[in-house]
Amino acid sequence: MRVEECIQETLEHPTIGKTAIADDRQYQITQVELDRFERQLADVDKKDPNLHPRLILGRINSFKRTIDRLNQELREYEQIKRGLG
């Protein structure tokens, strides 16, 4: 998947950009998306060996920020479910 496609999917994701995950369905979707982003991060430098190192670093940083945000959303939802939110 191209980075542009990944960014577009992120923008269209039902939970990204919101302050909290609203229900168990969104929680499950977010877990799947988190796994996908983690796999893409692991493979980002393997996609095109001709990419400039700065472009690779930019992609890595973008994936890391998205992963961090998704993890935060998952933690917030888990706290809400436990009654700590």
C-alpha atoms as a PDB file:
ATOM      1  CA  MET A   1       0.000   0.000   0.000  1.00  0.00           C
ATOM      2  CA  ARG A   2       1.312   3.430  -0.901  1.00  0.00           C
ATOM      3  CA  VAL A   3       1.788   6.000   1.826  1.00  0.00           C
ATOM      4  CA  GLU A   4      -0.805   8.274   0.239  1.00  0.00           C
ATOM      5  CA  GLU A   5      -3.380   5.487   0.372  1.00  0.00           C
ATOM      6  CA  CYS A   6      -2.468   4.766   3.981  1.00  0.00           C
ATOM      7  CA  ILE A   7      -2.883   8.425   4.924  1.00  0.00           C
ATOM      8  CA  GLN A   8      -6.274   8.562   3.198  1.00  0.00           C
ATOM      9  CA  GLU A   9      -7.424   5.444   5.048  1.00  0.00           C
ATOM     10  CA  THR A  10      -6.235   6.998   8.289  1.00  0.00           C
ATOM     11  CA  LEU A  11      -8.266  10.132   7.618  1.00  0.00           C
ATOM     12  CA  GLU A  12     -11.335   8.010   6.879  1.00  0.00           C
ATOM     13  CA  HIS A  13     -10.833   5.715   9.898  1.00  0.00           C
ATOM     14  CA  PRO A  14     -13.851   5.831  12.244  1.00  0.00           C
ATOM     15  CA  THR A  15     -11.789   6.459  15.400  1.00  0.00           C
ATOM     16  CA  ILE A  16      -8.649   8.318  14.361  1.00  0.00           C
ATOM     17  CA  GLY A  17      -8.896  11.988  15.141  1.00  0.00           C
ATOM     18  CA  LYS A  18     -11.629  11.562  17.732  1.00  0.00           C
ATOM     19  CA  THR A  19     -10.936  11.914  21.421  1.00  0.00           C
ATOM     20  CA  ALA A  20     -12.101   8.427  22.321  1.00  0.00           C
ATOM     21  CA  ILE A  21     -13.284   5.139  20.913  1.00  0.00           C
ATOM     22  CA  ALA A  22     -17.056   4.998  21.322  1.00  0.00           C
ATOM     23  CA  ASP A  23     -17.795   1.263  21.411  1.00  0.00           C
ATOM     24  CA  ASP A  24     -16.387  -2.266  21.231  1.00  0.00           C
ATOM     25  CA  ARG A  25     -16.712  -2.369  17.442  1.00  0.00           C
ATOM     26  CA  GLN A  26     -14.513   0.703  17.053  1.00  0.00           C
ATOM     27  CA  TYR A  27     -12.108  -0.772  19.609  1.00  0.00           C
ATOM     28  CA  GLN A  28     -11.741  -3.919  17.493  1.00  0.00           C
ATOM     29  CA  ILE A  29     -11.308  -1.895  14.292  1.00  0.00           C
ATOM     30  CA  THR A  30      -8.638   0.203  15.976  1.00  0.00           C
ATOM     31  CA  GLN A  31      -6.786  -2.925  17.106  1.00  0.00           C
ATOM     32  CA  VAL A  32      -6.769  -4.220  13.519  1.00  0.00           C
ATOM     33  CA  GLU A  33      -5.581  -0.857  12.198  1.00  0.00           C
ATOM     34  CA  LEU A  34      -2.857  -0.711  14.850  1.00  0.00           C
ATOM     35  CA  ASP A  35      -1.596  -4.120  13.780  1.00  0.00           C
ATOM     36  CA  ARG A  36      -1.607  -3.028  10.137  1.00  0.00           C
ATOM     37  CA  PHE A  37       0.366   0.140  10.884  1.00  0.00           C
ATOM     38  CA  GLU A  38       2.879  -1.809  12.983  1.00  0.00           C
ATOM     39  CA  ARG A  39       3.436  -4.240  10.090  1.00  0.00           C
ATOM     40  CA  GLN A  40       3.835  -1.372   7.646  1.00  0.00           C
ATOM     41  CA  LEU A  41       6.333   0.289   9.960  1.00  0.00           C
ATOM     42  CA  ALA A  42       8.359  -2.919  10.083  1.00  0.00           C
ATOM     43  CA  ASP A  43       8.397  -3.056   6.276  1.00  0.00           C
ATOM     44  CA  VAL A  44       8.731   0.643   5.445  1.00  0.00           C
ATOM     45  CA  ASP A  45      12.401   0.481   4.450  1.00  0.00           C
ATOM     46  CA  LYS A  46      11.890  -2.728   2.473  1.00  0.00           C
ATOM     47  CA  LYS A  47       9.266  -1.263   0.129  1.00  0.00           C
ATOM     48  CA  ASP A  48      11.544   0.732  -2.154  1.00  0.00           C
ATOM     49  CA  PRO A  49      15.302   0.601  -1.602  1.00  0.00           C
ATOM     50  CA  ASN A  50      15.721   3.611  -3.918  1.00  0.00           C
ATOM     51  CA  LEU A  51      13.893   5.999  -1.598  1.00  0.00           C
ATOM     52  CA  HIS A  52      15.860   8.876  -0.137  1.00  0.00           C
ATOM     53  CA  PRO A  53      16.686   8.296   3.564  1.00  0.00           C
ATOM     54  CA  ARG A  54      14.780  11.447   4.573  1.00  0.00           C
ATOM     55  CA  LEU A  55      11.640  10.159   2.885  1.00  0.00           C
ATOM     56  CA  ILE A  56      12.025   6.829   4.675  1.00  0.00           C
ATOM     57  CA  LEU A  57      12.513   8.662   7.985  1.00  0.00           C
ATOM     58  CA  GLY A  58       9.412  10.755   7.311  1.00  0.00           C
ATOM     59  CA  ARG A  59       7.373   7.636   6.683  1.00  0.00           C
ATOM     60  CA  ILE A  60       8.749   5.978   9.816  1.00  0.00           C
ATOM     61  CA  ASN A  61       7.884   9.021  11.929  1.00  0.00           C
ATOM     62  CA  SER A  62       4.394   9.206  10.441  1.00  0.00           C
ATOM     63  CA  PHE A  63       3.715   5.552  11.194  1.00  0.00           C
ATOM     64  CA  LYS A  64       5.085   5.941  14.739  1.00  0.00           C
ATOM     65  CA  ARG A  65       2.851   8.951  15.432  1.00  0.00           C
ATOM     66  CA  THR A  66      -0.193   7.074  14.159  1.00  0.00           C
ATOM     67  CA  ILE A  67       0.719   3.995  16.213  1.00  0.00           C
ATOM     68  CA  ASP A  68       1.156   6.138  19.326  1.00  0.00           C
ATOM     69  CA  ARG A  69      -2.217   7.826  18.739  1.00  0.00           C
ATOM     70  CA  LEU A  70      -4.004   4.502  18.208  1.00  0.00           C
ATOM     71  CA  ASN A  71      -2.408   3.039  21.344  1.00  0.00           C
ATOM     72  CA  GLN A  72      -3.536   6.094  23.305  1.00  0.00           C
ATOM     73  CA  GLU A  73      -7.098   5.722  22.014  1.00  0.00           C
ATOM     74  CA  LEU A  74      -7.100   2.039  22.980  1.00  0.00           C
ATOM     75  CA  ARG A  75      -5.832   2.865  26.483  1.00  0.00           C
ATOM     76  CA  GLU A  76      -8.449   5.598  26.930  1.00  0.00           C
ATOM     77  CA  TYR A  77     -11.238   3.241  25.913  1.00  0.00           C
ATOM     78  CA  GLU A  78      -9.938   0.529  28.236  1.00  0.00           C
ATOM     79  CA  GLN A  79      -9.935   3.025  31.114  1.00  0.00           C
ATOM     80  CA  ILE A  80     -13.486   4.085  30.293  1.00  0.00           C
ATOM     81  CA  LYS A  81     -14.592   0.437  30.208  1.00  0.00           C
ATOM     82  CA  ARG A  82     -12.990  -0.116  33.636  1.00  0.00           C
ATOM     83  CA  GLY A  83     -14.726   2.985  34.955  1.00  0.00           C
ATOM     84  CA  LEU A  84     -11.543   5.019  35.354  1.00  0.00           C
ATOM     85  CA  GLY A  85     -12.151   7.487  32.549  1.00  0.00           C
END
